[in-house]
């Protein structure tokens, strides 16, 4: 919970900049063990239920194509680090953008729960608030999937989250 939280809106993330690019970091405790969370992050059939269509080689050095459910984002990526049940690092590239981004997910056991930290780096600073809201939608969809629930209405949830992420972006001097 943050001081920028609005009524009815649980904010999981924080925003910052590094090297002139945006960084969004989410952290949440999910009601599943590490092995179950890892499977949801790396099994293409499970990814298709909560994140999007992912096709290719999901192994270190492997390349893949993805189309995300919540945003419609389409692009390519490659797996640069894969430490089973601990850490996954991907480099991504939107089909129309020149720059690459990085997604790093780390998992840690917390009793019967898992602490999942999801960090994305490399986005334009002027879109940082929107990335924050969008990434939180993904993290919430992961938690819903693990709880046996359906994905949220991404457009509605994005609209609920965006004002709080705009406040966070303004709080660190970003547009």
Protein backbone atom coordinates (compact mmCIF):
# COMPACT_ATOMS: atom_id res chain seq x y z
CA UNK A 1 0.00 0.00 0.00
CA UNK A 2 1.24 3.48 -0.76
CA UNK A 3 0.39 7.00 0.33
CA UNK A 4 -0.91 7.61 -3.19
CA UNK A 5 -3.58 4.95 -2.89
CA UNK A 6 -7.08 6.00 -3.90
CA UNK A 7 -10.22 4.55 -2.29
CA UNK A 8 -10.82 1.03 -3.64
CA UNK A 9 -7.54 0.95 -5.52
CA UNK A 10 -4.71 -1.22 -4.26
CA UNK A 11 -1.49 -0.06 -5.89
CA UNK A 12 1.18 -2.74 -6.25
CA UNK A 13 3.82 -0.74 -8.05
CA UNK A 14 6.29 2.05 -7.94
CA UNK A 15 7.76 4.09 -10.75
CA UNK A 16 11.20 5.55 -11.36
CA UNK A 17 13.57 6.44 -14.14
CA UNK A 18 17.01 5.09 -14.95
CA UNK A 19 19.19 6.18 -17.84
CA UNK A 20 16.41 8.34 -19.28
CA UNK A 21 13.96 5.43 -19.50
CA UNK A 22 11.08 4.37 -17.31
CA UNK A 23 11.09 1.57 -14.75
CA UNK A 24 7.96 -0.02 -13.27
CA UNK A 25 8.26 -2.43 -10.36
CA UNK A 26 5.37 -4.46 -8.94
CA UNK A 27 5.43 -6.68 -5.90
CA UNK A 28 2.63 -8.86 -4.60
CA UNK A 29 2.09 -11.94 -2.47
CA UNK A 30 0.14 -14.55 -4.36
CA UNK A 31 -1.73 -17.46 -2.86
CA UNK A 32 0.26 -20.24 -4.51
CA UNK A 33 3.58 -21.93 -3.98
CA UNK A 34 6.64 -20.99 -6.02
CA UNK A 35 6.41 -24.05 -8.30
CA UNK A 36 2.82 -23.17 -9.24
CA UNK A 37 3.67 -19.51 -9.94
CA UNK A 38 6.70 -20.55 -12.01
CA UNK A 39 4.52 -22.86 -14.09
CA UNK A 40 2.01 -20.06 -14.72
CA UNK A 41 4.88 -17.83 -15.93
CA UNK A 42 6.61 -20.36 -18.19
CA UNK A 43 4.04 -22.85 -19.54
CA UNK A 44 2.64 -21.49 -22.84
CA UNK A 45 -0.77 -23.12 -22.30
CA UNK A 46 -1.09 -21.42 -18.90
CA UNK A 47 0.26 -18.10 -20.20
CA UNK A 48 -2.50 -18.17 -22.84
CA UNK A 49 -5.14 -18.16 -20.09
CA UNK A 50 -3.98 -15.05 -18.23
CA UNK A 51 -1.26 -13.22 -20.19
CA UNK A 52 -1.41 -13.89 -23.90
CA UNK A 53 -0.33 -16.06 -26.78
CA UNK A 54 3.35 -16.91 -26.57
CA UNK A 55 4.99 -19.05 -29.24
CA UNK A 56 8.61 -20.03 -29.61
CA UNK A 57 11.43 -21.37 -27.52
CA UNK A 58 11.02 -20.49 -23.84
CA UNK A 59 14.53 -21.48 -22.77
CA UNK A 60 17.73 -19.49 -22.17
CA UNK A 61 18.71 -17.93 -25.49
CA UNK A 62 15.34 -18.86 -26.98
CA UNK A 63 13.27 -16.42 -28.98
CA UNK A 64 9.48 -16.06 -28.97
CA UNK A 65 6.56 -14.01 -30.33
CA UNK A 66 3.80 -12.76 -28.08
CA UNK A 67 0.43 -11.06 -28.26
CA UNK A 68 -0.88 -9.90 -24.89
CA UNK A 69 -4.53 -10.25 -23.95
CA UNK A 70 -4.96 -7.16 -21.78
CA UNK A 71 -3.34 -4.59 -24.07
CA UNK A 72 -3.08 -6.22 -27.48
CA UNK A 73 0.69 -5.58 -27.39
CA UNK A 74 2.51 -7.61 -30.03
CA UNK A 75 6.19 -8.21 -30.29
CA UNK A 76 9.13 -10.49 -29.98
CA UNK A 77 11.45 -11.39 -27.18
CA UNK A 78 14.27 -13.56 -26.06
CA UNK A 79 14.98 -15.33 -22.80
CA UNK A 80 18.24 -13.98 -21.36
CA UNK A 81 18.08 -15.61 -17.91
CA UNK A 82 16.05 -18.49 -16.56
CA UNK A 83 16.68 -19.72 -13.04
CA UNK A 84 13.79 -22.14 -12.45
CA UNK A 85 11.43 -21.13 -9.67
CA UNK A 86 13.55 -18.05 -8.91
CA UNK A 87 14.17 -15.62 -11.75
CA UNK A 88 13.17 -15.03 -15.36
CA UNK A 89 14.60 -12.21 -17.51
CA UNK A 90 13.25 -11.39 -20.96
CA UNK A 91 14.24 -8.77 -23.51
CA UNK A 92 11.22 -7.60 -25.51
CA UNK A 93 10.63 -5.54 -28.62
CA UNK A 94 7.29 -4.19 -29.84
CA UNK A 95 6.65 -4.89 -33.53
CA UNK A 96 6.74 -1.15 -34.38
CA UNK A 97 9.17 0.25 -31.78
CA UNK A 98 12.93 0.60 -32.22
CA UNK A 99 13.83 0.18 -28.54
CA UNK A 100 14.00 -2.97 -26.47
CA UNK A 101 12.57 -3.40 -23.00
CA UNK A 102 13.42 -5.78 -20.18
CA UNK A 103 11.04 -7.80 -18.01
CA UNK A 104 12.50 -9.39 -14.89
CA UNK A 105 10.37 -11.55 -12.61
CA UNK A 106 11.71 -12.91 -9.34
CA UNK A 107 9.95 -15.31 -7.00
CA UNK A 108 10.52 -16.02 -3.32
CA UNK A 109 8.67 -18.38 -0.99
CA UNK A 110 6.79 -16.81 1.92
CA UNK A 111 5.34 -19.79 3.76
CA UNK A 112 2.58 -21.18 1.54
CA UNK A 113 2.54 -17.93 -0.48
CA UNK A 114 4.92 -16.55 -3.09
CA UNK A 115 6.31 -13.06 -3.27
CA UNK A 116 6.35 -12.16 -6.95
CA UNK A 117 8.34 -9.11 -8.04
CA UNK A 118 7.79 -7.99 -11.64
CA UNK A 119 9.99 -5.22 -13.01
CA UNK A 120 9.89 -3.76 -16.51
CA UNK A 121 12.56 -1.37 -17.73
CA UNK A 122 13.12 0.67 -20.86
CA UNK A 123 9.79 2.33 -21.59
CA UNK A 124 9.40 5.98 -22.64
CA UNK A 125 9.09 8.27 -19.62
CA UNK A 126 6.02 10.02 -21.03
CA UNK A 127 4.13 6.69 -20.94
CA UNK A 128 5.31 5.54 -17.52
CA UNK A 129 1.95 5.95 -15.74
CA UNK A 130 0.17 3.93 -18.45
CA UNK A 131 2.79 1.19 -18.23
CA UNK A 132 2.36 1.12 -14.45
CA UNK A 133 -1.40 0.63 -14.72
CA UNK A 134 -1.03 -1.95 -17.50
CA UNK A 135 1.61 -4.01 -15.74
CA UNK A 136 -0.50 -4.06 -12.58
CA UNK A 137 -3.36 -5.49 -14.67
CA UNK A 138 -0.99 -8.31 -15.74
CA UNK A 139 0.10 -9.02 -12.16
CA UNK A 140 -3.53 -9.06 -10.98
CA UNK A 141 -4.46 -11.40 -13.85
CA UNK A 142 -1.65 -13.74 -12.78
CA UNK A 143 -3.00 -13.79 -9.21
CA UNK A 144 -6.55 -14.38 -10.48
CA UNK A 145 -5.35 -17.26 -12.67
CA UNK A 146 -3.56 -18.84 -9.72
CA UNK A 147 -6.75 -18.52 -7.65
CA UNK A 148 -8.81 -20.23 -10.38
CA UNK A 149 -10.56 -16.99 -11.37
CA UNK A 150 -11.04 -15.25 -14.70
CA UNK A 151 -8.98 -12.30 -15.94
CA UNK A 152 -10.31 -8.87 -15.10
CA UNK A 153 -11.95 -6.46 -17.56
CA UNK A 154 -8.58 -5.01 -18.56
CA UNK A 155 -9.92 -1.76 -20.00
CA UNK A 156 -12.03 -0.99 -16.93
CA UNK A 157 -9.28 -1.94 -14.48
CA UNK A 158 -6.72 0.11 -16.43
CA UNK A 159 -9.06 3.11 -16.14
CA UNK A 160 -9.35 2.61 -12.38
CA UNK A 161 -5.58 2.36 -11.90
CA UNK A 162 -4.35 5.07 -14.27
CA UNK A 163 -5.14 8.10 -12.03
CA UNK A 164 -3.14 6.62 -9.15
CA UNK A 165 -0.20 5.85 -11.45
CA UNK A 166 -0.37 9.39 -12.84
CA UNK A 167 -0.04 10.61 -9.25
CA UNK A 168 2.98 8.34 -8.75
CA UNK A 169 4.58 9.55 -11.98
CA UNK A 170 4.06 13.20 -10.97
CA UNK A 171 5.53 12.43 -7.55
CA UNK A 172 8.85 11.49 -9.11
CA UNK A 173 8.86 14.42 -11.53
CA UNK A 174 7.72 12.50 -14.60
CA UNK A 175 5.07 13.63 -17.09
